Amino acid sequence: MLKTLEKPLWRLTLFLLVLGFVFCSCSPASASAVTHQVVSGENLSILAQRYNTTVAELVSANGIANPSLIYPGQILSIPSGAAPGSAPLSSRQGRIYGPGELDLFARLVHSEASGEPYLGQVAVAATILNRVESPSYPNTIAGVIYQVVGRHYQYSPVLDGRINLPANQTAYQAVRDALEGWDPSNGALGFYNPRKTANQWVRRQQVTTVIGNHVFFR
């Protein structure tokens, strides 16, 4: 009697497992799910801009009670249809950067902007890529970072050795965001802190935006 009951029960269990597998494999929501791990300095406004969505949609998708309170390491679901870098700069496409270049890139961002808002760190990264893509500058990340003009390095961390300090995860994330096409600098080719430089040449350049302590220019 027990064996007679076990046979149809085994078949029913197998059928339900197969049905569940097919449903999960075919579910559009599962296939298109996008998540984001929050890093220090980010807020919902920045993420809404980053993923071309709205703060309200992020709040709704994640059941956030207080939009002002998100924390580093938190995993957020991105609303369906939103995607990072939906309007990347065309010159970003087709370029491949190796681990060594990305590490150097992140170290530059870290040494130049670790104390700046996350938006400003992405903007600093974007200016490096904008120089790589400009005919007026070297066409590699290392070439831009180590460029010497009139016996002067273009970036002070190269001169004082801070470029050799390891980058944190936030700097790597800022590099990735910039590589995906996010450019908060509005096409800037450089930046400076007006409290730390008396250089008159940079002060005469066209300002594209100001983020934190940095003035961005082209």
N, C-alpha and C. Protein backbone atom coordinates (compact mmCIF):
# COMPACT_ATOMS: atom_id res chain seq x y z
N MET A 1 0.84 -1.21 0.00
CA MET A 1 0.00 0.00 0.00
C MET A 1 0.87 1.26 0.00
N LEU A 2 1.91 1.28 0.81
CA LEU A 2 2.82 2.43 0.89
C LEU A 2 3.51 2.68 -0.43
N LYS A 3 3.97 1.60 -1.08
CA LYS A 3 4.65 1.75 -2.36
C LYS A 3 3.71 2.30 -3.42
N THR A 4 2.43 1.90 -3.36
CA THR A 4 1.45 2.38 -4.34
C THR A 4 1.25 3.88 -4.21
N LEU A 5 1.27 4.39 -2.98
CA LEU A 5 1.08 5.82 -2.76
C LEU A 5 2.33 6.62 -3.12
N GLU A 6 3.52 6.03 -2.88
CA GLU A 6 4.77 6.74 -3.14
C GLU A 6 4.98 7.02 -4.61
N LYS A 7 4.54 6.12 -5.50
CA LYS A 7 4.82 6.28 -6.92
C LYS A 7 4.17 7.53 -7.52
N PRO A 8 2.85 7.75 -7.35
CA PRO A 8 2.26 8.99 -7.89
C PRO A 8 2.79 10.24 -7.19
N LEU A 9 3.11 10.12 -5.88
CA LEU A 9 3.66 11.27 -5.16
C LEU A 9 5.00 11.67 -5.74
N TRP A 10 5.83 10.69 -6.08
CA TRP A 10 7.14 10.97 -6.69
C TRP A 10 6.97 11.66 -8.03
N ARG A 11 6.02 11.20 -8.80
CA ARG A 11 5.77 11.80 -10.13
C ARG A 11 5.27 13.24 -9.99
N LEU A 12 4.39 13.48 -9.01
CA LEU A 12 3.87 14.83 -8.79
C LEU A 12 4.98 15.78 -8.37
N THR A 13 5.87 15.31 -7.50
CA THR A 13 7.00 16.14 -7.06
C THR A 13 7.90 16.50 -8.23
N LEU A 14 8.20 15.50 -9.07
CA LEU A 14 9.05 15.75 -10.23
C LEU A 14 8.40 16.74 -11.18
N PHE A 15 7.10 16.60 -11.37
CA PHE A 15 6.37 17.51 -12.27
C PHE A 15 6.43 18.94 -11.76
N LEU A 16 6.25 19.13 -10.45
CA LEU A 16 6.28 20.48 -9.87
C LEU A 16 7.68 21.09 -9.97
N LEU A 17 8.71 20.28 -9.79
CA LEU A 17 10.08 20.78 -9.91
C LEU A 17 10.38 21.23 -11.32
N VAL A 18 9.97 20.44 -12.30
CA VAL A 18 10.18 20.81 -13.71
C VAL A 18 9.41 22.06 -14.06
N LEU A 19 8.15 22.14 -13.59
CA LEU A 19 7.33 23.32 -13.86
C LEU A 19 7.95 24.57 -13.28
N GLY A 20 8.48 24.45 -12.03
CA GLY A 20 9.11 25.61 -11.40
C GLY A 20 10.35 26.05 -12.14
N PHE A 21 11.16 25.10 -12.62
CA PHE A 21 12.37 25.42 -13.37
C PHE A 21 12.03 26.15 -14.66
N VAL A 22 11.01 25.66 -15.37
CA VAL A 22 10.60 26.30 -16.63
C VAL A 22 10.09 27.69 -16.39
N PHE A 23 9.31 27.86 -15.32
CA PHE A 23 8.76 29.17 -15.02
C PHE A 23 9.86 30.17 -14.70
N CYS A 24 10.82 29.78 -13.86
CA CYS A 24 11.92 30.69 -13.48
C CYS A 24 12.79 31.03 -14.67
N SER A 25 13.02 30.04 -15.55
CA SER A 25 13.89 30.27 -16.70
C SER A 25 13.26 31.20 -17.70
N CYS A 26 11.94 31.17 -17.76
CA CYS A 26 11.25 31.96 -18.79
C CYS A 26 10.75 33.28 -18.27
N SER A 27 10.82 33.50 -16.98
CA SER A 27 10.27 34.72 -16.40
C SER A 27 11.05 35.93 -16.85
N PRO A 28 10.39 36.92 -17.49
CA PRO A 28 11.07 38.13 -17.95
C PRO A 28 11.70 38.90 -16.81
N ALA A 29 11.04 38.93 -15.63
CA ALA A 29 11.57 39.69 -14.51
C ALA A 29 12.90 39.12 -14.06
N SER A 30 13.00 37.78 -14.06
CA SER A 30 14.25 37.15 -13.64
C SER A 30 15.36 37.45 -14.61
N ALA A 31 15.06 37.42 -15.91
CA ALA A 31 16.08 37.60 -16.93
C ALA A 31 16.59 39.02 -16.97
N SER A 32 15.73 40.00 -16.60
CA SER A 32 16.10 41.39 -16.78
C SER A 32 16.41 42.11 -15.47
N ALA A 33 16.45 41.35 -14.35
CA ALA A 33 16.66 41.97 -13.06
C ALA A 33 18.01 42.68 -13.02
N VAL A 34 18.01 43.93 -12.48
CA VAL A 34 19.24 44.71 -12.34
C VAL A 34 19.33 45.15 -10.88
N THR A 35 20.50 44.96 -10.28
CA THR A 35 20.70 45.41 -8.91
C THR A 35 21.93 46.31 -8.85
N HIS A 36 22.02 47.07 -7.78
CA HIS A 36 23.16 47.98 -7.57
C HIS A 36 23.56 47.91 -6.11
N GLN A 37 24.86 47.76 -5.86
CA GLN A 37 25.38 47.80 -4.49
C GLN A 37 25.84 49.21 -4.18
N VAL A 38 25.25 49.80 -3.16
CA VAL A 38 25.53 51.19 -2.80
C VAL A 38 26.96 51.33 -2.30
N VAL A 39 27.64 52.40 -2.74
CA VAL A 39 28.98 52.71 -2.24
C VAL A 39 28.92 54.03 -1.50
N SER A 40 29.92 54.29 -0.70
CA SER A 40 29.98 55.51 0.12
C SER A 40 29.84 56.76 -0.75
N GLY A 41 28.98 57.67 -0.33
CA GLY A 41 28.80 58.92 -1.04
C GLY A 41 27.61 58.94 -1.98
N GLU A 42 27.03 57.78 -2.24
CA GLU A 42 25.87 57.72 -3.13
C GLU A 42 24.59 58.03 -2.37
N ASN A 43 23.62 58.59 -3.08
CA ASN A 43 22.28 58.73 -2.54
C ASN A 43 21.28 58.41 -3.64
N LEU A 44 20.00 58.43 -3.33
CA LEU A 44 19.00 58.02 -4.32
C LEU A 44 18.93 58.98 -5.50
N SER A 45 19.22 60.23 -5.27
CA SER A 45 19.22 61.20 -6.36
C SER A 45 20.31 60.88 -7.38
N ILE A 46 21.50 60.56 -6.87
CA ILE A 46 22.62 60.19 -7.76
C ILE A 46 22.28 58.92 -8.52
N LEU A 47 21.71 57.92 -7.82
CA LEU A 47 21.38 56.66 -8.48
C LEU A 47 20.27 56.83 -9.50
N ALA A 48 19.33 57.71 -9.23
CA ALA A 48 18.26 57.97 -10.19
C ALA A 48 18.84 58.54 -11.49
N GLN A 49 19.80 59.46 -11.36
CA GLN A 49 20.46 60.01 -12.53
C GLN A 49 21.30 58.94 -13.22
N ARG A 50 21.98 58.15 -12.41
CA ARG A 50 22.87 57.12 -12.94
C ARG A 50 22.12 56.09 -13.79
N TYR A 51 20.92 55.70 -13.33
CA TYR A 51 20.16 54.65 -14.01
C TYR A 51 18.97 55.18 -14.82
N ASN A 52 18.93 56.49 -15.01
CA ASN A 52 17.87 57.09 -15.82
C ASN A 52 16.48 56.71 -15.33
N THR A 53 16.29 56.85 -14.00
CA THR A 53 15.00 56.57 -13.41
C THR A 53 14.68 57.71 -12.45
N THR A 54 13.78 57.52 -11.51
CA THR A 54 13.43 58.56 -10.55
C THR A 54 13.61 58.05 -9.14
N VAL A 55 13.74 58.99 -8.20
CA VAL A 55 13.86 58.62 -6.79
C VAL A 55 12.61 57.87 -6.35
N ALA A 56 11.44 58.35 -6.79
CA ALA A 56 10.17 57.70 -6.41
C ALA A 56 10.13 56.24 -6.85
N GLU A 57 10.62 55.97 -8.06
CA GLU A 57 10.62 54.59 -8.56
C GLU A 57 11.59 53.71 -7.77
N LEU A 58 12.74 54.26 -7.39
CA LEU A 58 13.70 53.52 -6.57
C LEU A 58 13.12 53.22 -5.19
N VAL A 59 12.45 54.21 -4.62
CA VAL A 59 11.82 54.02 -3.31
C VAL A 59 10.77 52.93 -3.38
N SER A 60 9.93 52.98 -4.42
CA SER A 60 8.87 51.99 -4.59
C SER A 60 9.41 50.59 -4.83
N ALA A 61 10.46 50.48 -5.66
CA ALA A 61 11.00 49.18 -6.02
C ALA A 61 11.69 48.50 -4.84
N ASN A 62 12.13 49.30 -3.85
CA ASN A 62 12.89 48.74 -2.74
C ASN A 62 12.20 48.87 -1.39
N GLY A 63 10.99 49.44 -1.39
CA GLY A 63 10.26 49.57 -0.13
C GLY A 63 11.01 50.41 0.89
N ILE A 64 11.64 51.49 0.42
CA ILE A 64 12.45 52.34 1.30
C ILE A 64 11.55 53.28 2.09
N ALA A 65 11.65 53.24 3.42
CA ALA A 65 10.81 54.08 4.28
C ALA A 65 11.31 55.52 4.31
N ASN A 66 12.63 55.68 4.36
CA ASN A 66 13.22 57.02 4.43
C ASN A 66 14.20 57.18 3.27
N PRO A 67 13.85 57.94 2.21
CA PRO A 67 14.73 58.10 1.04
C PRO A 67 16.10 58.68 1.35
N SER A 68 16.24 59.30 2.53
CA SER A 68 17.52 59.91 2.89
C SER A 68 18.48 58.88 3.50
N LEU A 69 17.96 57.68 3.79
CA LEU A 69 18.78 56.69 4.49
C LEU A 69 19.02 55.46 3.63
N ILE A 70 20.12 55.47 2.89
CA ILE A 70 20.65 54.26 2.27
C ILE A 70 22.11 54.16 2.73
N TYR A 71 22.65 52.97 2.73
CA TYR A 71 23.96 52.78 3.35
C TYR A 71 24.90 51.98 2.45
N PRO A 72 26.21 52.20 2.55
CA PRO A 72 27.18 51.45 1.75
C PRO A 72 27.01 49.94 1.95
N GLY A 73 27.03 49.23 0.83
CA GLY A 73 26.85 47.79 0.87
C GLY A 73 25.43 47.34 0.64
N GLN A 74 24.48 48.26 0.76
CA GLN A 74 23.07 47.92 0.54
C GLN A 74 22.83 47.54 -0.92
N ILE A 75 22.07 46.49 -1.15
CA ILE A 75 21.74 46.06 -2.50
C ILE A 75 20.37 46.60 -2.87
N LEU A 76 20.30 47.38 -3.92
CA LEU A 76 19.04 47.97 -4.37
C LEU A 76 18.61 47.35 -5.69
N SER A 77 17.31 47.14 -5.82
CA SER A 77 16.75 46.68 -7.09
C SER A 77 16.49 47.90 -7.96
N ILE A 78 16.91 47.83 -9.21
CA ILE A 78 16.71 48.93 -10.15
C ILE A 78 15.42 48.67 -10.92
N PRO A 79 14.53 49.66 -11.01
CA PRO A 79 13.26 49.46 -11.71
C PRO A 79 13.43 48.92 -13.11
N SER A 80 12.51 48.08 -13.53
CA SER A 80 12.55 47.47 -14.86
C SER A 80 12.60 48.54 -15.93
N GLY A 81 13.48 48.36 -16.90
CA GLY A 81 13.60 49.31 -18.00
C GLY A 81 14.74 50.28 -17.80
N ALA A 82 15.18 50.47 -16.53
CA ALA A 82 16.32 51.36 -16.28
C ALA A 82 17.60 50.58 -16.49
N ALA A 83 18.64 51.27 -16.93
CA ALA A 83 19.92 50.61 -17.17
C ALA A 83 21.03 51.63 -17.10
N PRO A 84 22.21 51.24 -16.60
CA PRO A 84 23.33 52.18 -16.52
C PRO A 84 23.87 52.53 -17.88
N GLY A 85 24.29 53.77 -18.02
CA GLY A 85 24.95 54.18 -19.25
C GLY A 85 24.08 54.04 -20.47
N SER A 86 22.79 54.41 -20.38
CA SER A 86 21.91 54.23 -21.53
C SER A 86 22.26 55.18 -22.66
N ALA A 87 23.00 56.24 -22.34
CA ALA A 87 23.42 57.16 -23.40
C ALA A 87 24.93 57.39 -23.32
N PRO A 88 25.71 56.32 -23.49
CA PRO A 88 27.16 56.46 -23.36
C PRO A 88 27.76 57.30 -24.48
N LEU A 89 28.90 57.93 -24.19
CA LEU A 89 29.61 58.66 -25.22
C LEU A 89 30.10 57.66 -26.26
N SER A 90 29.92 57.98 -27.52
CA SER A 90 30.28 57.03 -28.57
C SER A 90 31.76 56.67 -28.53
N SER A 91 32.59 57.62 -28.09
CA SER A 91 34.02 57.37 -28.05
C SER A 91 34.40 56.38 -26.95
N ARG A 92 33.48 56.11 -26.01
CA ARG A 92 33.75 55.12 -24.98
C ARG A 92 33.66 53.70 -25.57
N GLN A 93 32.93 53.57 -26.64
CA GLN A 93 32.66 52.24 -27.19
C GLN A 93 33.89 51.68 -27.90
N GLY A 94 34.06 50.38 -27.75
CA GLY A 94 35.13 49.70 -28.48
C GLY A 94 36.49 49.74 -27.83
N ARG A 95 36.64 50.48 -26.73
CA ARG A 95 37.93 50.54 -26.05
C ARG A 95 37.99 49.45 -24.99
N ILE A 96 39.10 48.77 -24.90
CA ILE A 96 39.29 47.72 -23.91
C ILE A 96 40.45 48.11 -23.00
N TYR A 97 40.20 48.11 -21.70
CA TYR A 97 41.22 48.49 -20.73
C TYR A 97 41.57 47.28 -19.87
N GLY A 98 42.86 46.99 -19.74
CA GLY A 98 43.33 45.86 -18.95
C GLY A 98 43.34 46.17 -17.47
N PRO A 99 43.53 45.14 -16.64
CA PRO A 99 43.53 45.31 -15.18
C PRO A 99 44.56 46.33 -14.70
N GLY A 100 45.74 46.35 -15.32
CA GLY A 100 46.76 47.31 -14.91
C GLY A 100 46.34 48.74 -15.15
N GLU A 101 45.72 49.00 -16.31
CA GLU A 101 45.24 50.35 -16.63
C GLU A 101 44.13 50.77 -15.68
N LEU A 102 43.21 49.84 -15.40
CA LEU A 102 42.09 50.16 -14.51
C LEU A 102 42.58 50.43 -13.09
N ASP A 103 43.60 49.71 -12.66
CA ASP A 103 44.15 49.94 -11.33
C ASP A 103 44.80 51.32 -11.25
N LEU A 104 45.58 51.67 -12.27
CA LEU A 104 46.20 53.00 -12.32
C LEU A 104 45.13 54.08 -12.34
N PHE A 105 44.10 53.86 -13.15
CA PHE A 105 43.00 54.80 -13.27
C PHE A 105 42.33 55.02 -11.91
N ALA A 106 42.02 53.93 -11.21
CA ALA A 106 41.36 54.03 -9.90
C ALA A 106 42.27 54.71 -8.88
N ARG A 107 43.58 54.44 -8.95
CA ARG A 107 44.51 55.08 -8.01
C ARG A 107 44.57 56.59 -8.23
N LEU A 108 44.45 57.02 -9.49
CA LEU A 108 44.43 58.45 -9.78
C LEU A 108 43.18 59.09 -9.20
N VAL A 109 42.04 58.44 -9.42
CA VAL A 109 40.78 58.96 -8.89
C VAL A 109 40.82 59.01 -7.36
N HIS A 110 41.33 57.95 -6.75
CA HIS A 110 41.42 57.90 -5.29
C HIS A 110 42.32 59.00 -4.75
N SER A 111 43.48 59.17 -5.34
CA SER A 111 44.44 60.15 -4.82
C SER A 111 43.99 61.58 -5.07
N GLU A 112 43.24 61.80 -6.12
CA GLU A 112 42.78 63.15 -6.44
C GLU A 112 41.45 63.52 -5.77
N ALA A 113 40.59 62.51 -5.51
CA ALA A 113 39.23 62.86 -5.13
C ALA A 113 38.62 62.00 -4.04
N SER A 114 39.41 61.30 -3.25
CA SER A 114 38.84 60.40 -2.24
C SER A 114 37.98 61.14 -1.21
N GLY A 115 38.26 62.41 -0.99
CA GLY A 115 37.48 63.17 -0.03
C GLY A 115 36.31 63.91 -0.64
N GLU A 116 36.09 63.72 -1.94
CA GLU A 116 35.03 64.43 -2.65
C GLU A 116 33.74 63.59 -2.69
N PRO A 117 32.59 64.24 -2.98
CA PRO A 117 31.35 63.47 -3.14
C PRO A 117 31.52 62.43 -4.26
N TYR A 118 30.72 61.37 -4.19
CA TYR A 118 30.85 60.32 -5.21
C TYR A 118 30.66 60.89 -6.61
N LEU A 119 29.72 61.81 -6.76
CA LEU A 119 29.49 62.44 -8.06
C LEU A 119 30.77 63.09 -8.57
N GLY A 120 31.52 63.72 -7.66
CA GLY A 120 32.77 64.36 -8.04
C GLY A 120 33.85 63.37 -8.41
N GLN A 121 33.84 62.19 -7.80
CA GLN A 121 34.82 61.17 -8.14
C GLN A 121 34.57 60.62 -9.54
N VAL A 122 33.30 60.42 -9.87
CA VAL A 122 32.97 59.98 -11.23
C VAL A 122 33.37 61.06 -12.23
N ALA A 123 33.14 62.31 -11.86
CA ALA A 123 33.48 63.43 -12.75
C ALA A 123 34.99 63.48 -13.00
N VAL A 124 35.80 63.26 -11.97
CA VAL A 124 37.25 63.23 -12.15
C VAL A 124 37.64 62.11 -13.11
N ALA A 125 37.05 60.93 -12.92
CA ALA A 125 37.33 59.81 -13.83
C ALA A 125 36.94 60.16 -15.26
N ALA A 126 35.81 60.83 -15.41
CA ALA A 126 35.35 61.19 -16.75
C ALA A 126 36.31 62.14 -17.45
N THR A 127 36.94 63.05 -16.70
CA THR A 127 37.87 63.98 -17.33
C THR A 127 39.09 63.25 -17.90
N ILE A 128 39.50 62.17 -17.24
CA ILE A 128 40.62 61.38 -17.77
C ILE A 128 40.24 60.77 -19.11
N LEU A 129 39.04 60.18 -19.16
CA LEU A 129 38.58 59.57 -20.41
C LEU A 129 38.38 60.63 -21.49
N ASN A 130 37.92 61.81 -21.10
CA ASN A 130 37.74 62.88 -22.08
C ASN A 130 39.08 63.30 -22.68
N ARG A 131 40.12 63.28 -21.88
CA ARG A 131 41.46 63.59 -22.41
C ARG A 131 41.95 62.48 -23.33
N VAL A 132 41.71 61.23 -22.94
CA VAL A 132 42.12 60.11 -23.79
C VAL A 132 41.48 60.24 -25.18
N GLU A 133 40.26 60.72 -25.21
CA GLU A 133 39.52 60.82 -26.46
C GLU A 133 39.75 62.12 -27.22
N SER A 134 40.48 63.05 -26.59
CA SER A 134 40.76 64.33 -27.24
C SER A 134 42.06 64.26 -28.03
N PRO A 135 42.10 64.83 -29.24
CA PRO A 135 43.35 64.83 -30.01
C PRO A 135 44.44 65.70 -29.39
N SER A 136 44.09 66.48 -28.39
CA SER A 136 45.06 67.37 -27.76
C SER A 136 45.87 66.69 -26.65
N TYR A 137 45.51 65.44 -26.34
CA TYR A 137 46.17 64.74 -25.23
C TYR A 137 46.56 63.33 -25.66
N PRO A 138 47.39 62.65 -24.87
CA PRO A 138 47.74 61.25 -25.19
C PRO A 138 46.48 60.39 -25.29
N ASN A 139 46.55 59.32 -26.06
CA ASN A 139 45.36 58.50 -26.29
C ASN A 139 45.31 57.23 -25.44
N THR A 140 46.02 57.24 -24.32
CA THR A 140 45.95 56.13 -23.37
C THR A 140 45.78 56.70 -21.96
N ILE A 141 45.24 55.88 -21.06
CA ILE A 141 45.06 56.33 -19.68
C ILE A 141 46.41 56.63 -19.03
N ALA A 142 47.36 55.74 -19.20
CA ALA A 142 48.69 55.97 -18.62
C ALA A 142 49.33 57.21 -19.22
N GLY A 143 49.16 57.40 -20.52
CA GLY A 143 49.74 58.56 -21.18
C GLY A 143 49.19 59.86 -20.63
N VAL A 144 47.88 59.89 -20.38
CA VAL A 144 47.24 61.08 -19.82
C VAL A 144 47.71 61.32 -18.39
N ILE A 145 47.71 60.28 -17.58
CA ILE A 145 48.05 60.43 -16.16
C ILE A 145 49.51 60.83 -15.96
N TYR A 146 50.40 60.29 -16.76
CA TYR A 146 51.83 60.57 -16.59
C TYR A 146 52.35 61.66 -17.53
N GLN A 147 51.45 62.33 -18.22
CA GLN A 147 51.89 63.36 -19.17
C GLN A 147 52.65 64.49 -18.45
N VAL A 148 53.71 64.94 -19.07
CA VAL A 148 54.50 66.06 -18.56
C VAL A 148 54.45 67.18 -19.59
N VAL A 149 54.05 68.36 -19.16
CA VAL A 149 53.98 69.53 -20.04
C VAL A 149 54.81 70.64 -19.42
N GLY A 150 55.80 71.11 -20.15
CA GLY A 150 56.66 72.16 -19.60
C GLY A 150 57.34 71.75 -18.31
N ARG A 151 57.76 70.49 -18.25
CA ARG A 151 58.44 69.92 -17.08
C ARG A 151 57.53 69.77 -15.86
N HIS A 152 56.23 69.84 -16.07
CA HIS A 152 55.29 69.72 -14.97
C HIS A 152 54.33 68.56 -15.22
N TYR A 153 54.16 67.73 -14.20
CA TYR A 153 53.13 66.69 -14.28
C TYR A 153 51.76 67.35 -14.27
N GLN A 154 50.81 66.72 -14.93
CA GLN A 154 49.45 67.26 -14.98
C GLN A 154 48.67 66.99 -13.71
N TYR A 155 49.09 65.98 -12.93
CA TYR A 155 48.35 65.60 -11.72
C TYR A 155 49.31 65.53 -10.54
N SER A 156 49.01 66.27 -9.48
CA SER A 156 49.93 66.37 -8.35
C SER A 156 50.23 65.03 -7.67
N PRO A 157 49.30 64.06 -7.63
CA PRO A 157 49.64 62.78 -7.00
C PRO A 157 50.79 62.04 -7.70
N VAL A 158 50.98 62.31 -8.99
CA VAL A 158 52.10 61.69 -9.70
C VAL A 158 53.41 62.29 -9.19
N LEU A 159 53.39 63.59 -8.93
CA LEU A 159 54.58 64.28 -8.45
C LEU A 159 54.95 63.88 -7.02
N ASP A 160 53.94 63.81 -6.14
CA ASP A 160 54.26 63.56 -4.73
C ASP A 160 54.17 62.09 -4.33
N GLY A 161 53.83 61.21 -5.27
CA GLY A 161 53.85 59.78 -4.99
C GLY A 161 52.54 59.18 -4.51
N ARG A 162 51.51 60.01 -4.31
CA ARG A 162 50.23 59.48 -3.84
C ARG A 162 49.58 58.56 -4.87
N ILE A 163 50.00 58.67 -6.13
CA ILE A 163 49.47 57.81 -7.18
C ILE A 163 49.77 56.34 -6.89
N ASN A 164 50.77 56.08 -6.05
CA ASN A 164 51.17 54.71 -5.75
C ASN A 164 50.37 54.08 -4.61
N LEU A 165 49.52 54.86 -3.95
CA LEU A 165 48.69 54.32 -2.88
C LEU A 165 47.55 53.51 -3.47
N PRO A 166 47.17 52.40 -2.83
CA PRO A 166 46.07 51.58 -3.36
C PRO A 166 44.75 52.32 -3.36
N ALA A 167 43.94 52.06 -4.37
CA ALA A 167 42.62 52.69 -4.47
C ALA A 167 41.60 51.92 -3.65
N ASN A 168 40.57 52.62 -3.19
CA ASN A 168 39.49 51.93 -2.48
C ASN A 168 38.40 51.52 -3.48
N GLN A 169 37.42 50.79 -2.97
CA GLN A 169 36.37 50.25 -3.82
C GLN A 169 35.54 51.36 -4.46
N THR A 170 35.37 52.47 -3.75
CA THR A 170 34.60 53.58 -4.29
C THR A 170 35.25 54.14 -5.55
N ALA A 171 36.57 54.25 -5.55
CA ALA A 171 37.28 54.75 -6.72
C ALA A 171 37.11 53.81 -7.91
N TYR A 172 37.17 52.51 -7.65
CA TYR A 172 36.96 51.53 -8.73
C TYR A 172 35.54 51.66 -9.30
N GLN A 173 34.56 51.86 -8.42
CA GLN A 173 33.18 52.01 -8.88
C GLN A 173 33.03 53.28 -9.71
N ALA A 174 33.69 54.35 -9.29
CA ALA A 174 33.63 55.61 -10.05
C ALA A 174 34.23 55.43 -11.44
N VAL A 175 35.32 54.67 -11.52
CA VAL A 175 35.94 54.38 -12.81
C VAL A 175 34.99 53.60 -13.70
N ARG A 176 34.32 52.58 -13.12
CA ARG A 176 33.39 51.78 -13.91
C ARG A 176 32.23 52.63 -14.42
N ASP A 177 31.72 53.50 -13.56
CA ASP A 177 30.61 54.37 -13.97
C ASP A 177 31.02 55.29 -15.11
N ALA A 178 32.22 55.85 -15.01
CA ALA A 178 32.70 56.72 -16.08
C ALA A 178 32.91 55.95 -17.38
N LEU A 179 33.43 54.74 -17.28
CA LEU A 179 33.65 53.92 -18.48
C LEU A 179 32.33 53.54 -19.15
N GLU A 180 31.26 53.46 -18.37
CA GLU A 180 29.95 53.13 -18.93
C GLU A 180 29.26 54.34 -19.53
N GLY A 181 29.91 55.51 -19.44
CA GLY A 181 29.37 56.67 -20.13
C GLY A 181 28.84 57.79 -19.26
N TRP A 182 28.88 57.62 -17.94
CA TRP A 182 28.38 58.68 -17.06
C TRP A 182 29.43 59.77 -16.95
N ASP A 183 29.05 61.01 -17.27
CA ASP A 183 30.00 62.12 -17.24
C ASP A 183 29.41 63.32 -16.52
N PRO A 184 29.47 63.36 -15.19
CA PRO A 184 28.96 64.50 -14.43
C PRO A 184 29.77 65.77 -14.67
N SER A 185 30.95 65.64 -15.30
CA SER A 185 31.80 66.82 -15.54
C SER A 185 31.31 67.64 -16.72
N ASN A 186 30.35 67.10 -17.45
CA ASN A 186 29.82 67.78 -18.65
C ASN A 186 30.88 68.00 -19.72
N GLY A 187 31.69 66.97 -19.94
CA GLY A 187 32.68 67.04 -21.01
C GLY A 187 33.96 67.76 -20.65
N ALA A 188 34.23 67.93 -19.36
CA ALA A 188 35.43 68.65 -18.94
C ALA A 188 36.70 67.88 -19.29
N LEU A 189 37.77 68.65 -19.48
CA LEU A 189 39.08 68.07 -19.77
C LEU A 189 40.04 68.19 -18.58
N GLY A 190 39.58 68.83 -17.53
CA GLY A 190 40.42 69.00 -16.36
C GLY A 190 39.63 69.52 -15.18
N PHE A 191 40.29 69.65 -14.05
CA PHE A 191 39.64 70.12 -12.82
C PHE A 191 40.70 70.71 -11.91
N TYR A 192 40.28 71.53 -10.97
CA TYR A 192 41.22 72.08 -10.00
C TYR A 192 40.47 72.50 -8.74
N ASN A 193 41.20 72.58 -7.66
CA ASN A 193 40.67 73.08 -6.40
C ASN A 193 41.15 74.52 -6.25
N PRO A 194 40.27 75.50 -6.34
CA PRO A 194 40.71 76.91 -6.31
C PRO A 194 41.41 77.30 -5.02
N ARG A 195 41.22 76.51 -3.96
CA ARG A 195 41.89 76.82 -2.70
C ARG A 195 43.31 76.28 -2.64
N LYS A 196 43.66 75.45 -3.64
CA LYS A 196 44.97 74.81 -3.61
C LYS A 196 45.87 75.17 -4.77
N THR A 197 45.37 75.98 -5.70
CA THR A 197 46.22 76.37 -6.83
C THR A 197 46.04 77.84 -7.16
N ALA A 198 47.13 78.45 -7.54
CA ALA A 198 47.10 79.85 -7.98
C ALA A 198 47.31 79.93 -9.49
N ASN A 199 47.28 78.79 -10.15
CA ASN A 199 47.50 78.74 -11.59
C ASN A 199 46.46 79.57 -12.33
N GLN A 200 46.93 80.56 -13.07
CA GLN A 200 46.02 81.46 -13.76
C GLN A 200 45.50 80.88 -15.06
N TRP A 201 46.25 79.94 -15.64
CA TRP A 201 45.79 79.34 -16.90
C TRP A 201 44.49 78.58 -16.69
N VAL A 202 44.41 77.74 -15.65
CA VAL A 202 43.20 76.96 -15.43
C VAL A 202 42.02 77.86 -15.09
N ARG A 203 42.29 78.97 -14.44
CA ARG A 203 41.21 79.88 -14.06
C ARG A 203 40.62 80.62 -15.25
N ARG A 204 41.34 80.61 -16.35
CA ARG A 204 40.83 81.29 -17.56
C ARG A 204 40.04 80.34 -18.46
N GLN A 205 40.00 79.05 -18.13
CA GLN A 205 39.31 78.09 -18.97
C GLN A 205 37.80 78.11 -18.71
N GLN A 206 37.07 77.60 -19.68
CA GLN A 206 35.61 77.55 -19.58
C GLN A 206 35.18 76.55 -18.50
N VAL A 207 34.41 77.01 -17.54
CA VAL A 207 33.93 76.15 -16.47
C VAL A 207 32.71 75.37 -16.95
N THR A 208 32.73 74.05 -16.71
CA THR A 208 31.58 73.22 -17.10
C THR A 208 30.67 72.92 -15.92
N THR A 209 31.26 72.79 -14.72
CA THR A 209 30.46 72.56 -13.51
C THR A 209 31.37 72.65 -12.30
N VAL A 210 30.76 72.74 -11.14
CA VAL A 210 31.49 72.72 -9.86
C VAL A 210 30.86 71.63 -9.00
N ILE A 211 31.70 70.70 -8.54
CA ILE A 211 31.23 69.61 -7.68
C ILE A 211 32.14 69.52 -6.48
N GLY A 212 31.60 69.68 -5.30
CA GLY A 212 32.43 69.65 -4.10
C GLY A 212 33.47 70.75 -4.14
N ASN A 213 34.73 70.39 -3.96
CA ASN A 213 35.82 71.37 -3.96
C ASN A 213 36.47 71.56 -5.33
N HIS A 214 35.97 70.87 -6.34
CA HIS A 214 36.60 70.91 -7.64
C HIS A 214 35.80 71.74 -8.66
N VAL A 215 36.54 72.54 -9.38
CA VAL A 215 35.99 73.26 -10.54
C VAL A 215 36.43 72.48 -11.78
N PHE A 216 35.46 72.13 -12.63
CA PHE A 216 35.76 71.37 -13.84
C PHE A 216 35.72 72.32 -15.03
N PHE A 217 36.66 72.10 -15.96
CA PHE A 217 36.80 73.03 -17.10
C PHE A 217 37.16 72.29 -18.38
N ARG A 218 36.99 73.02 -19.49
CA ARG A 218 37.47 72.51 -20.78
C ARG A 218 37.98 73.67 -21.61
